[in-house]
């Protein structure tokens, strides 16, 4: 977890992360505008679980607020650090991360994180982390994109490649592939 695959250099991983973000942004229908609006209605720290390269947190324009991002991908976190050096970026598992005295007015589970959760217990653990770190009166925001089944029905040209691979708590491999 959190390491660069042996067949990719750090710059190749960074390029892939940026390409993935362009794909997310192109298909997002204004998700960043939504998150900016929700953030503007809150005050206090903002926590994003599964922040990746910081696409959402850095777009909030909340420089005067404490921004905390956690993710397992160290290369993505390096990109996030470049984008917003004043934010706090941590390599941690959103299912198990705990920190005393962290009460965020907004907890974000955005991007494509929920699509990577394949086990009900993992989803429960992720939501428990969000609830434990949400301040009284705060909000937990979820990006639960409904995938269009037609996207999977058509033949797609190109070879499959692995976007993400990690071991879960039971040491089983979780892999996301695309082409």
Foldseek 3Di string as FASTA:
>chain_A
DQDDPPVDDLVRLVVVLVVLVVVCVVPVVPPLVVLLVQVVVWDAEEEEEQCFLVPNVLSNPPLVHAYEYEAQHNSSQVNNCVSPVRHHYYNDHLLDDDDPPQAGLEYEHDDCVVVQDDDPSSVVSNVVSVVVRHHVNHDYYYDDDDDDVVVVVDDDDDDKDWSDWDADPVRDIRTDIDD
